[in-house]
Amino acid sequence: MSDRDWHERLAALGLEIVGEPRALAGGDIAEVSRLETRQGAVVAKRDDPRTLAAEADGLRALREAGSALIVPEVIALDDDLLVMEALDAGGRRDGARLGEGLRELHGVVGETHGWPRDNRCGPTPQRNTPCADGRVFQREQRLLALGRACLERGSLERTTFAALERIARGLEAWLPDAPPRLVHGDLWSGNVLYTPRGPAIIDPAVYYHYPEVDLAMLTLFGHPGEAFFEAYWDGGAPDDWPRRERLFQLYPLLNHLLLFGGGYRGAVERTIAELA
């Protein structure tokens, strides 16, 4: 979008730009810019209207949860344009506060696993059809949905998909059903910001499910630190946490395999072998 277009679009929403728009990382999926306005700094994102509506819905849900985590405020949603509060990085990395805030967020309990609307995990459509049983939701809406997509694209061997299907069909044998908790849904380290006001979370793909899906995503490509886990568990991790961690890492690994190809096939195969 040209500078003139930015000025016109934001002026129609009651915002007056001062200075030049600055493109932000993430523009490979959507057009994202930071803009200084007389009303304060904002981040504006252009994308498919349904995708932006789902993101705005998720941001509002995270803010309404009332946790100590900072979530950008949605300022305006206008068709293919989402305008939200800009957050500044540069704060102290505080794993304990992140853990405490995430524990508070996961304290919000829903009626069913899933969400009233579908959304996206990165650019991948994410099905959130509500389900009373968390095992069924994980099997049908996460593991098998992504596994079939990878199989159809040729990214997953049929023997590997068969092993994945056996794991998915066997969840009831070891994973207890649990109350559905509000989760961010795509909580990799790039969606955590340490601001001067404290830890913040951005770019959600929210739904209700097992809270460990957020923890497993945080540890998939990094580690939030011992202080984080001490604050989050507040008394010790469940005995089967290592198995849950590997289980809930399968979905994002399948998503990466679907998006980026064979470089993630080995990680998917190893995780399936560990769970078999």
Protein backbone atom coordinates (compact mmCIF):
# COMPACT_ATOMS: atom_id res chain seq x y z
CA MET A 1 0.00 0.00 0.00
CA SER A 2 1.36 3.45 -0.87
CA ASP A 3 1.92 6.11 1.79
CA ARG A 4 -1.03 8.06 0.38
CA ASP A 5 -3.27 5.00 0.63
CA TRP A 6 -2.22 4.43 4.25
CA HIS A 7 -3.08 8.04 5.07
CA GLU A 8 -6.49 7.78 3.43
CA ARG A 9 -7.41 4.44 4.99
CA LEU A 10 -6.42 5.46 8.50
CA ALA A 11 -7.97 8.91 8.17
CA ALA A 12 -11.27 7.21 7.41
CA LEU A 13 -10.90 5.42 10.75
CA GLY A 14 -10.19 8.64 12.64
CA LEU A 15 -6.39 8.26 12.80
CA GLU A 16 -3.93 10.89 11.56
CA ILE A 17 -0.53 9.57 10.46
CA VAL A 18 2.61 11.51 11.35
CA GLY A 19 5.80 10.32 9.69
CA GLU A 20 6.37 7.50 7.22
CA PRO A 21 4.94 3.97 7.50
CA ARG A 22 7.54 1.32 8.40
CA ALA A 23 7.15 -2.21 7.06
CA LEU A 24 7.45 -4.95 9.70
CA ALA A 25 8.55 -8.56 9.51
CA GLY A 26 5.71 -10.91 8.72
CA GLY A 27 4.91 -9.40 5.37
CA ASP A 28 5.41 -12.79 3.71
CA ILE A 29 1.93 -13.69 4.92
CA ALA A 30 0.28 -10.27 5.15
CA GLU A 31 1.24 -6.65 4.57
CA VAL A 32 2.17 -5.30 8.00
CA SER A 33 3.34 -1.79 8.86
CA ARG A 34 3.94 0.28 11.96
CA LEU A 35 2.57 3.81 11.75
CA GLU A 36 2.94 6.72 14.12
CA THR A 37 -0.30 8.62 14.52
CA ARG A 38 -1.38 11.57 16.63
CA GLN A 39 -3.46 9.08 18.60
CA GLY A 40 -0.44 6.83 19.28
CA ALA A 41 1.63 4.19 17.48
CA VAL A 42 -0.35 1.48 15.69
CA VAL A 43 0.33 -1.65 13.69
CA ALA A 44 -1.79 -2.04 10.58
CA LYS A 45 -2.19 -5.35 8.78
CA ARG A 46 -3.74 -6.00 5.37
CA ASP A 47 -4.92 -9.49 4.54
CA ASP A 48 -7.98 -11.53 3.63
CA PRO A 49 -10.95 -10.06 5.55
CA ARG A 50 -11.94 -13.40 7.09
CA THR A 51 -8.39 -13.99 8.31
CA LEU A 52 -8.24 -10.55 9.90
CA ALA A 53 -11.67 -10.95 11.51
CA ALA A 54 -10.51 -14.22 13.09
CA GLU A 55 -7.31 -12.58 14.35
CA ALA A 56 -9.24 -9.68 15.85
CA ASP A 57 -11.58 -12.18 17.49
CA GLY A 58 -8.60 -13.97 19.02
CA LEU A 59 -6.95 -10.80 20.28
CA ARG A 60 -10.17 -9.71 21.97
CA ALA A 61 -10.57 -13.13 23.59
CA LEU A 62 -7.02 -13.02 24.97
CA ARG A 63 -7.53 -9.52 26.36
CA GLU A 64 -10.87 -10.45 27.93
CA ALA A 65 -9.19 -13.36 29.70
CA GLY A 66 -7.75 -10.81 32.14
CA SER A 67 -4.31 -12.40 32.52
CA ALA A 68 -1.18 -10.40 33.31
CA LEU A 69 0.05 -10.91 29.75
CA ILE A 70 -0.09 -7.88 27.49
CA VAL A 71 -2.22 -8.29 24.37
CA PRO A 72 -2.46 -5.53 21.74
CA GLU A 73 -5.80 -3.76 21.67
CA VAL A 74 -7.83 -3.96 18.48
CA ILE A 75 -8.42 -0.35 17.40
CA ALA A 76 -10.29 -0.94 14.15
CA LEU A 77 -11.28 -3.69 11.75
CA ASP A 78 -12.29 -2.50 8.31
CA ASP A 79 -12.67 -5.19 5.66
CA ASP A 80 -9.07 -6.09 4.65
CA LEU A 81 -7.44 -3.82 7.25
CA LEU A 82 -6.81 -4.57 10.92
CA VAL A 83 -5.42 -1.76 13.10
CA MET A 84 -4.11 -2.58 16.55
CA GLU A 85 -2.06 -1.06 19.32
CA ALA A 86 1.70 -1.10 18.63
CA LEU A 87 3.89 -2.76 21.25
CA ASP A 88 7.53 -1.88 21.85
CA ALA A 89 10.12 -4.59 22.35
CA GLY A 90 13.23 -4.09 24.46
CA GLY A 91 11.91 -5.14 27.84
CA ARG A 92 13.65 -7.55 30.19
CA ARG A 93 13.22 -11.22 29.33
CA ASP A 94 11.12 -12.40 32.25
CA GLY A 95 10.29 -16.09 32.01
CA ALA A 96 8.63 -16.16 35.41
CA ARG A 97 6.13 -13.44 34.49
CA LEU A 98 5.45 -15.16 31.17
CA GLY A 99 4.78 -18.43 33.00
CA GLU A 100 2.51 -16.79 35.56
CA GLY A 101 0.58 -14.94 32.87
CA LEU A 102 0.14 -18.02 30.70
CA ARG A 103 -1.09 -20.01 33.72
CA GLU A 104 -3.70 -17.29 34.29
CA LEU A 105 -4.71 -17.37 30.63
CA HIS A 106 -5.12 -21.14 30.75
CA GLY A 107 -7.37 -20.73 33.75
CA VAL A 108 -10.18 -19.65 31.42
CA VAL A 109 -12.38 -22.71 30.84
CA GLY A 110 -14.69 -23.21 27.88
CA GLU A 111 -17.69 -25.45 27.34
CA THR A 112 -16.18 -27.49 24.50
CA HIS A 113 -12.85 -28.05 22.80
CA GLY A 114 -12.57 -25.87 19.70
CA TRP A 115 -13.86 -22.39 18.89
CA PRO A 116 -17.03 -20.89 17.41
CA ARG A 117 -15.19 -20.06 14.17
CA ASP A 118 -12.30 -21.45 12.17
CA ASN A 119 -9.10 -19.42 12.00
CA ARG A 120 -5.55 -19.87 10.73
CA CYS A 121 -2.28 -21.15 12.16
CA GLY A 122 0.15 -19.11 10.10
CA PRO A 123 -1.25 -19.35 6.56
CA THR A 124 -2.82 -22.78 7.16
CA PRO A 125 -6.60 -22.93 7.68
CA GLN A 126 -7.31 -24.25 11.18
CA ARG A 127 -10.52 -26.18 11.80
CA ASN A 128 -12.09 -25.54 15.20
CA THR A 129 -15.36 -27.49 15.03
CA PRO A 130 -16.40 -27.78 18.70
CA CYS A 131 -16.19 -31.19 20.35
CA ALA A 132 -17.02 -32.34 23.88
CA ASP A 133 -14.03 -34.70 24.14
CA GLY A 134 -10.50 -33.31 23.82
CA ARG A 135 -9.10 -36.58 22.48
CA VAL A 136 -11.59 -36.58 19.62
CA PHE A 137 -10.86 -32.93 18.86
CA GLN A 138 -7.10 -33.53 18.80
CA ARG A 139 -7.53 -36.57 16.59
CA GLU A 140 -10.00 -35.20 14.04
CA GLN A 141 -9.34 -31.46 13.91
CA ARG A 142 -5.58 -31.51 14.41
CA LEU A 143 -3.59 -34.71 13.78
CA LEU A 144 -5.63 -36.39 11.07
CA ALA A 145 -6.69 -33.15 9.38
CA LEU A 146 -3.06 -32.07 8.90
CA GLY A 147 -1.82 -35.61 8.32
CA ARG A 148 -4.25 -36.11 5.43
CA ALA A 149 -3.28 -32.74 3.95
CA CYS A 150 0.41 -33.72 4.05
CA LEU A 151 -0.39 -37.14 2.57
CA GLU A 152 -2.38 -35.63 -0.30
CA ARG A 153 0.48 -33.22 -1.05
CA GLY A 154 2.99 -36.07 -1.11
CA SER A 155 4.91 -34.75 1.90
CA LEU A 156 4.07 -37.77 4.08
CA GLU A 157 4.56 -41.45 3.26
CA ARG A 158 1.53 -43.71 3.58
CA THR A 159 3.32 -45.87 6.15
CA THR A 160 4.05 -42.77 8.24
CA PHE A 161 0.44 -41.64 7.98
CA ALA A 162 -0.71 -45.09 9.09
CA ALA A 163 1.52 -44.79 12.18
CA LEU A 164 0.14 -41.30 12.84
CA GLU A 165 -3.39 -42.66 12.53
CA ARG A 166 -2.64 -45.39 15.08
CA ILE A 167 -1.40 -42.76 17.54
CA ALA A 168 -4.48 -40.62 16.93
CA ARG A 169 -6.85 -43.58 17.36
CA GLY A 170 -5.12 -44.59 20.58
CA LEU A 171 -5.30 -41.33 22.52
CA GLU A 172 -8.06 -42.56 24.82
CA ALA A 173 -5.72 -45.30 26.08
CA TRP A 174 -3.42 -42.86 27.88
CA LEU A 175 -4.55 -39.23 27.55
CA PRO A 176 -7.36 -38.35 29.97
CA ASP A 177 -10.07 -36.00 28.86
CA ALA A 178 -9.74 -32.58 30.48
CA PRO A 179 -11.67 -29.30 30.69
CA PRO A 180 -11.05 -27.18 27.58
CA ARG A 181 -8.80 -24.21 28.37
CA LEU A 182 -8.26 -21.05 26.38
CA VAL A 183 -5.02 -21.32 24.41
CA HIS A 184 -3.12 -18.89 22.21
CA GLY A 185 -2.81 -21.62 19.59
CA ASP A 186 0.43 -20.57 17.86
CA LEU A 187 2.72 -19.69 20.73
CA TRP A 188 6.17 -20.01 19.21
CA SER A 189 8.88 -17.67 20.49
CA GLY A 190 8.31 -15.15 17.69
CA ASN A 191 4.80 -14.51 19.01
CA VAL A 192 6.13 -13.58 22.47
CA LEU A 193 7.41 -10.04 22.99
CA TYR A 194 9.20 -8.78 26.07
CA THR A 195 8.03 -5.18 26.31
CA PRO A 196 8.97 -2.56 28.93
CA ARG A 197 5.51 -3.27 30.44
CA GLY A 198 6.06 -7.02 30.64
CA PRO A 199 5.62 -10.12 28.43
CA ALA A 200 3.18 -9.77 25.55
CA ILE A 201 1.64 -12.26 23.10
CA ILE A 202 0.64 -11.50 19.51
CA ASP A 203 -0.71 -13.21 16.36
CA PRO A 204 -3.07 -15.70 18.05
CA ALA A 205 -4.87 -18.69 16.60
CA VAL A 206 -7.10 -19.18 19.64
CA TYR A 207 -9.34 -22.05 20.64
CA TYR A 208 -10.16 -24.10 23.76
CA HIS A 209 -8.14 -27.27 24.27
CA TYR A 210 -5.44 -28.86 26.41
CA PRO A 211 -3.23 -26.04 27.73
CA GLU A 212 -0.10 -28.05 26.96
CA VAL A 213 -0.47 -27.19 23.27
CA ASP A 214 0.97 -23.75 24.07
CA LEU A 215 3.79 -25.18 26.17
CA ALA A 216 4.73 -27.70 23.49
CA MET A 217 4.88 -24.96 20.88
CA LEU A 218 7.15 -22.86 23.09
CA THR A 219 9.61 -25.74 23.44
CA LEU A 220 9.48 -26.95 19.83
CA PHE A 221 12.07 -24.53 18.46
CA GLY A 222 13.55 -23.20 21.71
CA HIS A 223 13.10 -23.18 25.47
CA PRO A 224 11.45 -20.51 27.62
CA GLY A 225 13.72 -21.31 30.58
CA GLU A 226 13.38 -23.00 33.95
CA ALA A 227 11.94 -19.87 35.59
CA PHE A 228 9.05 -20.06 33.14
CA PHE A 229 8.19 -23.66 34.01
CA GLU A 230 8.61 -23.14 37.75
CA ALA A 231 6.11 -20.28 37.58
CA TYR A 232 3.75 -22.05 35.20
CA TRP A 233 3.52 -25.44 36.90
CA ASP A 234 3.44 -23.93 40.41
CA GLY A 235 3.94 -27.27 42.08
CA GLY A 236 5.38 -29.61 39.47
CA ALA A 237 4.65 -30.82 35.97
CA PRO A 238 2.31 -33.76 35.32
CA ASP A 239 4.10 -37.13 35.24
CA ASP A 240 3.24 -37.60 31.55
CA TRP A 241 4.35 -34.11 30.45
CA PRO A 242 7.19 -35.42 28.21
CA ARG A 243 4.70 -37.58 26.30
CA ARG A 244 2.16 -34.79 26.07
CA GLU A 245 4.89 -32.45 24.86
CA ARG A 246 5.76 -34.75 21.97
CA LEU A 247 2.08 -35.35 21.15
CA PHE A 248 1.19 -31.68 20.98
CA GLN A 249 4.31 -30.90 18.94
CA LEU A 250 3.03 -33.15 16.16
CA TYR A 251 0.43 -30.66 14.94
CA PRO A 252 2.85 -27.73 14.44
CA LEU A 253 5.42 -30.09 12.94
CA LEU A 254 2.84 -31.37 10.45
CA ASN A 255 1.94 -27.76 9.70
CA HIS A 256 5.59 -26.95 8.97
CA LEU A 257 5.85 -30.05 6.79
CA LEU A 258 2.76 -28.95 4.87
CA LEU A 259 4.06 -25.40 4.42
CA PHE A 260 7.78 -25.92 3.89
CA GLY A 261 8.20 -29.48 2.68
CA GLY A 262 10.61 -32.31 3.29
CA GLY A 263 12.97 -30.48 5.63
CA TYR A 264 10.51 -31.29 8.43
CA ARG A 265 9.77 -34.89 7.41
CA GLY A 266 12.49 -36.29 9.65
CA ALA A 267 11.20 -34.39 12.70
CA VAL A 268 7.67 -35.66 12.06
CA GLU A 269 8.86 -39.24 11.63
CA ARG A 270 11.00 -39.10 14.81
CA THR A 271 8.14 -37.69 16.86
CA ILE A 272 5.74 -40.35 15.59
CA ALA A 273 8.30 -43.06 16.37
CA GLU A 274 8.67 -41.75 19.94
CA LEU A 275 4.90 -41.85 20.47
CA ALA A 276 4.29 -45.22 18.82
